[in-house]
N, C-alpha and C. Protein backbone atom coordinates (compact mmCIF):
# COMPACT_ATOMS: atom_id res chain seq x y z
N UNK A 1 0.85 -1.19 0.00
CA UNK A 1 0.00 0.00 0.00
C UNK A 1 0.89 1.25 0.00
N UNK A 2 0.46 2.27 -0.77
CA UNK A 2 1.19 3.54 -0.79
C UNK A 2 0.23 4.66 -0.44
N UNK A 3 0.78 5.73 0.10
CA UNK A 3 0.03 6.94 0.36
C UNK A 3 0.40 7.96 -0.71
N UNK A 4 -0.60 8.61 -1.26
CA UNK A 4 -0.41 9.50 -2.39
C UNK A 4 -0.90 10.90 -2.04
N UNK A 5 -0.12 11.91 -2.42
CA UNK A 5 -0.50 13.30 -2.19
C UNK A 5 -0.35 14.07 -3.49
N UNK A 6 -1.46 14.63 -3.97
CA UNK A 6 -1.44 15.43 -5.20
C UNK A 6 -1.26 16.90 -4.86
N UNK A 7 -0.69 17.62 -5.81
CA UNK A 7 -0.57 19.08 -5.70
C UNK A 7 -0.46 19.65 -7.09
N UNK A 8 -0.55 20.98 -7.17
CA UNK A 8 -0.35 21.65 -8.44
C UNK A 8 -1.61 22.15 -9.10
N UNK A 9 -2.76 21.84 -8.54
CA UNK A 9 -3.98 22.34 -9.12
C UNK A 9 -4.14 23.84 -8.92
N UNK A 10 -5.15 24.39 -9.55
CA UNK A 10 -5.38 25.83 -9.42
C UNK A 10 -6.33 26.33 -10.47
N UNK A 11 -6.38 27.65 -10.57
CA UNK A 11 -7.24 28.33 -11.54
C UNK A 11 -6.37 28.85 -12.67
N UNK A 12 -6.77 28.54 -13.90
CA UNK A 12 -6.00 28.96 -15.06
C UNK A 12 -6.96 29.34 -16.18
N UNK A 13 -6.54 30.23 -17.04
CA UNK A 13 -7.37 30.59 -18.18
C UNK A 13 -7.25 29.54 -19.28
N UNK A 14 -8.26 29.45 -20.09
CA UNK A 14 -8.23 28.54 -21.23
C UNK A 14 -6.98 28.80 -22.07
N UNK A 15 -6.34 27.71 -22.49
CA UNK A 15 -5.09 27.84 -23.23
C UNK A 15 -3.86 27.79 -22.36
N UNK A 16 -4.05 27.88 -21.07
CA UNK A 16 -2.93 27.87 -20.13
C UNK A 16 -2.47 26.47 -19.79
N UNK A 17 -1.51 26.40 -18.87
CA UNK A 17 -0.90 25.13 -18.49
C UNK A 17 -0.83 24.99 -16.98
N UNK A 18 -0.87 23.75 -16.55
CA UNK A 18 -0.62 23.40 -15.15
C UNK A 18 0.16 22.09 -15.13
N UNK A 19 0.91 21.90 -14.06
CA UNK A 19 1.62 20.64 -13.86
C UNK A 19 1.21 20.07 -12.51
N UNK A 20 0.55 18.93 -12.55
CA UNK A 20 0.15 18.25 -11.33
C UNK A 20 1.25 17.30 -10.88
N UNK A 21 1.41 17.20 -9.59
CA UNK A 21 2.38 16.27 -9.02
C UNK A 21 1.69 15.29 -8.11
N UNK A 22 2.18 14.09 -8.08
CA UNK A 22 1.70 13.04 -7.18
C UNK A 22 2.92 12.43 -6.52
N UNK A 23 3.03 12.65 -5.22
CA UNK A 23 4.17 12.14 -4.47
C UNK A 23 3.71 10.97 -3.62
N UNK A 24 4.47 9.89 -3.67
CA UNK A 24 4.09 8.68 -2.95
C UNK A 24 5.01 8.42 -1.78
N UNK A 25 4.43 7.92 -0.72
CA UNK A 25 5.23 7.40 0.39
C UNK A 25 4.85 5.93 0.56
N UNK A 26 5.85 5.13 0.79
CA UNK A 26 5.60 3.69 0.85
C UNK A 26 6.62 2.97 0.02
N UNK A 27 6.68 1.69 0.19
CA UNK A 27 7.74 0.94 -0.48
C UNK A 27 7.49 0.71 -1.96
N UNK A 28 8.61 0.65 -2.70
CA UNK A 28 8.59 0.13 -4.07
C UNK A 28 7.59 0.83 -4.98
N UNK A 29 7.55 2.15 -4.95
CA UNK A 29 6.60 2.88 -5.79
C UNK A 29 6.83 2.59 -7.27
N UNK A 30 8.06 2.30 -7.63
CA UNK A 30 8.35 2.04 -9.04
C UNK A 30 7.69 0.76 -9.54
N UNK A 31 7.21 -0.07 -8.65
CA UNK A 31 6.54 -1.30 -9.05
C UNK A 31 5.03 -1.10 -9.23
N UNK A 32 4.59 0.14 -9.13
CA UNK A 32 3.18 0.45 -9.29
C UNK A 32 2.91 1.10 -10.64
N UNK A 33 1.83 0.73 -11.27
CA UNK A 33 1.27 1.50 -12.38
C UNK A 33 0.52 2.67 -11.75
N UNK A 34 0.74 3.86 -12.30
CA UNK A 34 0.15 5.07 -11.73
C UNK A 34 -0.73 5.74 -12.76
N UNK A 35 -1.86 6.20 -12.31
CA UNK A 35 -2.78 6.86 -13.22
C UNK A 35 -3.32 8.15 -12.65
N UNK A 36 -3.80 8.99 -13.56
CA UNK A 36 -4.55 10.18 -13.19
C UNK A 36 -5.99 10.00 -13.64
N UNK A 37 -6.90 10.35 -12.78
CA UNK A 37 -8.33 10.32 -13.04
C UNK A 37 -8.89 11.69 -12.69
N UNK A 38 -10.08 11.97 -13.18
CA UNK A 38 -10.71 13.24 -12.83
C UNK A 38 -12.20 13.06 -12.67
N UNK A 39 -12.78 13.95 -11.88
CA UNK A 39 -14.22 13.91 -11.65
C UNK A 39 -14.75 15.32 -11.58
N UNK A 40 -15.64 15.63 -12.49
CA UNK A 40 -16.30 16.92 -12.51
C UNK A 40 -17.61 16.83 -11.72
N UNK A 41 -18.12 17.95 -11.23
CA UNK A 41 -19.37 17.92 -10.45
C UNK A 41 -20.50 17.25 -11.23
N UNK A 42 -21.17 16.30 -10.60
CA UNK A 42 -22.31 15.64 -11.22
C UNK A 42 -21.95 14.60 -12.26
N UNK A 43 -20.65 14.32 -12.40
CA UNK A 43 -20.23 13.35 -13.41
C UNK A 43 -19.47 12.19 -12.78
N UNK A 44 -19.37 11.12 -13.53
CA UNK A 44 -18.60 9.96 -13.07
C UNK A 44 -17.11 10.27 -13.12
N UNK A 45 -16.37 9.60 -12.25
CA UNK A 45 -14.91 9.72 -12.32
C UNK A 45 -14.45 9.07 -13.61
N UNK A 46 -13.52 9.72 -14.31
CA UNK A 46 -13.05 9.18 -15.58
C UNK A 46 -11.53 9.07 -15.62
N UNK A 47 -11.07 8.13 -16.40
CA UNK A 47 -9.65 7.91 -16.62
C UNK A 47 -9.08 9.04 -17.46
N UNK A 48 -7.88 9.50 -17.12
CA UNK A 48 -7.22 10.55 -17.90
C UNK A 48 -5.95 9.99 -18.55
N UNK A 49 -5.07 9.41 -17.74
CA UNK A 49 -3.78 8.93 -18.26
C UNK A 49 -3.20 7.94 -17.27
N UNK A 50 -2.32 7.08 -17.79
CA UNK A 50 -1.60 6.18 -16.90
C UNK A 50 -0.22 5.89 -17.46
N UNK A 51 0.67 5.52 -16.54
CA UNK A 51 2.02 5.13 -16.92
C UNK A 51 2.27 3.76 -16.28
N UNK A 52 2.63 2.82 -17.13
CA UNK A 52 2.73 1.42 -16.71
C UNK A 52 4.05 1.17 -15.97
N UNK A 53 3.98 0.43 -14.90
CA UNK A 53 5.19 0.08 -14.14
C UNK A 53 6.16 -0.65 -15.07
N UNK A 54 7.41 -0.50 -14.75
CA UNK A 54 8.53 -1.13 -15.45
C UNK A 54 8.71 -0.61 -16.88
N UNK A 55 7.72 -0.76 -17.75
CA UNK A 55 7.90 -0.38 -19.15
C UNK A 55 7.86 1.13 -19.35
N UNK A 56 7.08 1.82 -18.52
CA UNK A 56 6.91 3.26 -18.72
C UNK A 56 5.97 3.61 -19.86
N UNK A 57 5.30 2.63 -20.42
CA UNK A 57 4.33 2.88 -21.49
C UNK A 57 3.21 3.76 -20.95
N UNK A 58 2.77 4.70 -21.78
CA UNK A 58 1.74 5.63 -21.36
C UNK A 58 0.47 5.48 -22.19
N UNK A 59 -0.65 5.78 -21.58
CA UNK A 59 -1.95 5.75 -22.24
C UNK A 59 -2.72 7.00 -21.84
N UNK A 60 -3.54 7.49 -22.76
CA UNK A 60 -4.33 8.70 -22.51
C UNK A 60 -5.74 8.52 -23.03
N UNK A 61 -6.66 9.16 -22.36
CA UNK A 61 -7.99 9.24 -22.93
C UNK A 61 -7.95 10.17 -24.13
N UNK A 62 -8.81 9.93 -25.10
CA UNK A 62 -8.74 10.65 -26.37
C UNK A 62 -8.81 12.17 -26.20
N UNK A 63 -9.58 12.64 -25.26
CA UNK A 63 -9.81 14.07 -25.14
C UNK A 63 -8.58 14.85 -24.68
N UNK A 64 -7.56 14.16 -24.16
CA UNK A 64 -6.37 14.87 -23.69
C UNK A 64 -5.13 14.55 -24.51
N UNK A 65 -5.25 13.64 -25.46
CA UNK A 65 -4.09 13.28 -26.28
C UNK A 65 -3.54 14.50 -26.99
N UNK A 66 -2.21 14.63 -26.95
CA UNK A 66 -1.57 15.78 -27.57
C UNK A 66 -1.51 17.01 -26.69
N UNK A 67 -2.24 17.00 -25.58
CA UNK A 67 -2.24 18.15 -24.66
C UNK A 67 -1.63 17.80 -23.30
N UNK A 68 -1.87 16.60 -22.83
CA UNK A 68 -1.40 16.17 -21.51
C UNK A 68 -0.26 15.16 -21.67
N UNK A 69 0.68 15.20 -20.73
CA UNK A 69 1.78 14.24 -20.71
C UNK A 69 1.98 13.74 -19.29
N UNK A 70 1.96 12.42 -19.14
CA UNK A 70 2.23 11.80 -17.84
C UNK A 70 3.68 11.33 -17.83
N UNK A 71 4.33 11.52 -16.69
CA UNK A 71 5.73 11.09 -16.57
C UNK A 71 5.99 10.72 -15.11
N UNK A 72 7.10 10.05 -14.89
CA UNK A 72 7.44 9.69 -13.51
C UNK A 72 8.92 9.90 -13.26
N UNK A 73 9.25 10.22 -12.03
CA UNK A 73 10.62 10.35 -11.58
C UNK A 73 10.76 9.41 -10.38
N UNK A 74 11.30 8.24 -10.62
CA UNK A 74 11.39 7.24 -9.57
C UNK A 74 12.32 7.67 -8.45
N UNK A 75 13.29 8.53 -8.76
CA UNK A 75 14.20 9.00 -7.71
C UNK A 75 13.48 9.89 -6.70
N UNK A 76 12.35 10.46 -7.12
CA UNK A 76 11.57 11.33 -6.24
C UNK A 76 10.24 10.71 -5.85
N UNK A 77 10.05 9.44 -6.19
CA UNK A 77 8.77 8.76 -5.90
C UNK A 77 7.58 9.60 -6.37
N UNK A 78 7.70 10.14 -7.55
CA UNK A 78 6.70 11.08 -8.04
C UNK A 78 6.24 10.76 -9.46
N UNK A 79 5.01 11.11 -9.72
CA UNK A 79 4.43 11.05 -11.06
C UNK A 79 3.82 12.41 -11.34
N UNK A 80 3.95 12.87 -12.56
CA UNK A 80 3.50 14.20 -12.95
C UNK A 80 2.48 14.12 -14.09
N UNK A 81 1.64 15.13 -14.16
CA UNK A 81 0.75 15.29 -15.29
C UNK A 81 0.90 16.72 -15.78
N UNK A 82 1.60 16.87 -16.90
CA UNK A 82 1.75 18.17 -17.54
C UNK A 82 0.53 18.40 -18.41
N UNK A 83 -0.18 19.48 -18.15
CA UNK A 83 -1.41 19.77 -18.87
C UNK A 83 -1.26 21.09 -19.61
N UNK A 84 -1.29 21.01 -20.92
CA UNK A 84 -1.14 22.20 -21.77
C UNK A 84 -2.43 22.46 -22.53
N UNK A 85 -2.57 23.67 -23.03
CA UNK A 85 -3.74 24.05 -23.81
C UNK A 85 -5.03 23.63 -23.09
N UNK A 86 -5.12 23.99 -21.85
CA UNK A 86 -6.28 23.60 -21.05
C UNK A 86 -7.56 24.21 -21.56
N UNK A 87 -8.63 23.45 -21.42
CA UNK A 87 -9.95 23.87 -21.87
C UNK A 87 -10.91 23.90 -20.68
N UNK A 88 -11.98 24.68 -20.76
CA UNK A 88 -12.93 24.71 -19.66
C UNK A 88 -13.46 23.32 -19.29
N UNK A 89 -13.59 22.45 -20.27
CA UNK A 89 -14.09 21.10 -19.99
C UNK A 89 -13.09 20.23 -19.24
N UNK A 90 -11.87 20.72 -19.04
CA UNK A 90 -10.90 20.00 -18.22
C UNK A 90 -11.10 20.28 -16.73
N UNK A 91 -11.99 21.20 -16.42
CA UNK A 91 -12.24 21.53 -15.02
C UNK A 91 -12.77 20.32 -14.27
N UNK A 92 -12.06 19.92 -13.22
CA UNK A 92 -12.39 18.73 -12.44
C UNK A 92 -11.51 18.68 -11.19
N UNK A 93 -11.84 17.77 -10.32
CA UNK A 93 -10.90 17.35 -9.30
C UNK A 93 -10.08 16.21 -9.90
N UNK A 94 -8.77 16.36 -9.84
CA UNK A 94 -7.87 15.36 -10.42
C UNK A 94 -7.28 14.50 -9.29
N UNK A 95 -7.35 13.20 -9.52
CA UNK A 95 -6.88 12.22 -8.53
C UNK A 95 -5.73 11.40 -9.10
N UNK A 96 -4.78 11.13 -8.26
CA UNK A 96 -3.70 10.21 -8.57
C UNK A 96 -4.05 8.86 -7.94
N UNK A 97 -3.77 7.79 -8.66
CA UNK A 97 -4.01 6.45 -8.14
C UNK A 97 -2.86 5.54 -8.53
N UNK A 98 -2.64 4.53 -7.71
CA UNK A 98 -1.54 3.61 -7.96
C UNK A 98 -1.99 2.18 -7.70
N UNK A 99 -1.54 1.29 -8.52
CA UNK A 99 -1.95 -0.11 -8.38
C UNK A 99 -0.84 -1.05 -8.83
N UNK A 100 -0.87 -2.21 -8.22
CA UNK A 100 -0.01 -3.30 -8.68
C UNK A 100 -0.84 -4.42 -9.31
N UNK A 101 -2.17 -4.40 -9.06
CA UNK A 101 -3.00 -5.54 -9.45
C UNK A 101 -4.26 -5.14 -10.19
N UNK A 102 -4.32 -3.91 -10.71
CA UNK A 102 -5.51 -3.49 -11.41
C UNK A 102 -6.25 -2.42 -10.64
N UNK A 103 -7.03 -1.57 -11.34
CA UNK A 103 -7.63 -0.41 -10.72
C UNK A 103 -8.68 -0.77 -9.67
N UNK A 104 -9.21 -1.97 -9.71
CA UNK A 104 -10.18 -2.37 -8.68
C UNK A 104 -9.51 -2.55 -7.32
N UNK A 105 -8.19 -2.61 -7.32
CA UNK A 105 -7.43 -2.79 -6.09
C UNK A 105 -6.30 -1.77 -6.11
N UNK A 106 -6.64 -0.53 -5.73
CA UNK A 106 -5.68 0.57 -5.91
C UNK A 106 -5.74 1.54 -4.74
N UNK A 107 -4.70 2.35 -4.65
CA UNK A 107 -4.61 3.40 -3.64
C UNK A 107 -4.84 4.75 -4.31
N UNK A 108 -5.48 5.67 -3.58
CA UNK A 108 -5.87 6.95 -4.16
C UNK A 108 -5.42 8.11 -3.28
N UNK A 109 -5.12 9.22 -3.95
CA UNK A 109 -4.86 10.45 -3.23
C UNK A 109 -6.16 11.18 -2.94
N UNK A 110 -6.02 12.36 -2.34
CA UNK A 110 -7.19 13.12 -1.91
C UNK A 110 -7.74 14.03 -3.01
N UNK A 111 -6.97 14.22 -4.06
CA UNK A 111 -7.43 15.03 -5.18
C UNK A 111 -6.94 16.46 -5.12
N UNK A 112 -6.86 17.08 -6.30
CA UNK A 112 -6.50 18.48 -6.40
C UNK A 112 -7.41 19.13 -7.45
N UNK A 113 -7.92 20.31 -7.13
CA UNK A 113 -8.90 20.96 -8.00
C UNK A 113 -8.19 21.71 -9.14
N UNK A 114 -8.68 21.49 -10.33
CA UNK A 114 -8.24 22.24 -11.51
C UNK A 114 -9.46 22.96 -12.08
N UNK A 115 -9.35 24.26 -12.21
CA UNK A 115 -10.43 25.06 -12.77
C UNK A 115 -9.90 25.86 -13.94
N UNK A 116 -10.55 25.70 -15.08
CA UNK A 116 -10.14 26.41 -16.30
C UNK A 116 -11.24 27.38 -16.68
N UNK A 117 -10.91 28.64 -16.71
CA UNK A 117 -11.90 29.67 -17.04
C UNK A 117 -11.85 29.98 -18.54
N UNK A 118 -13.00 30.32 -19.07
CA UNK A 118 -13.07 30.61 -20.51
C UNK A 118 -12.84 32.08 -20.79
């Protein structure tokens, strides 16, 4: 089990950028697949991006491809989400999650609010 703390959210104008950070405490963070999810008011939580343990392969939901980049720095037990060209529809609470056995069995952070104004 790992503990996750997100930061970096805030208010930004459309077209702007933010970089979210997810710092983990706990053993062997590099053996976890890490993902970013988001949830807007009144909507279901949705997958945004993930980076696969060991291989570093990344996946993105279609709506953020070309704008968001997920990366990890194992020396800092951290995973980042660089978000460029932000749109009002990106407004959500963003959550970091980590798993070794699939998303049904995962650890979650408390979330960080991202608000994009038009």
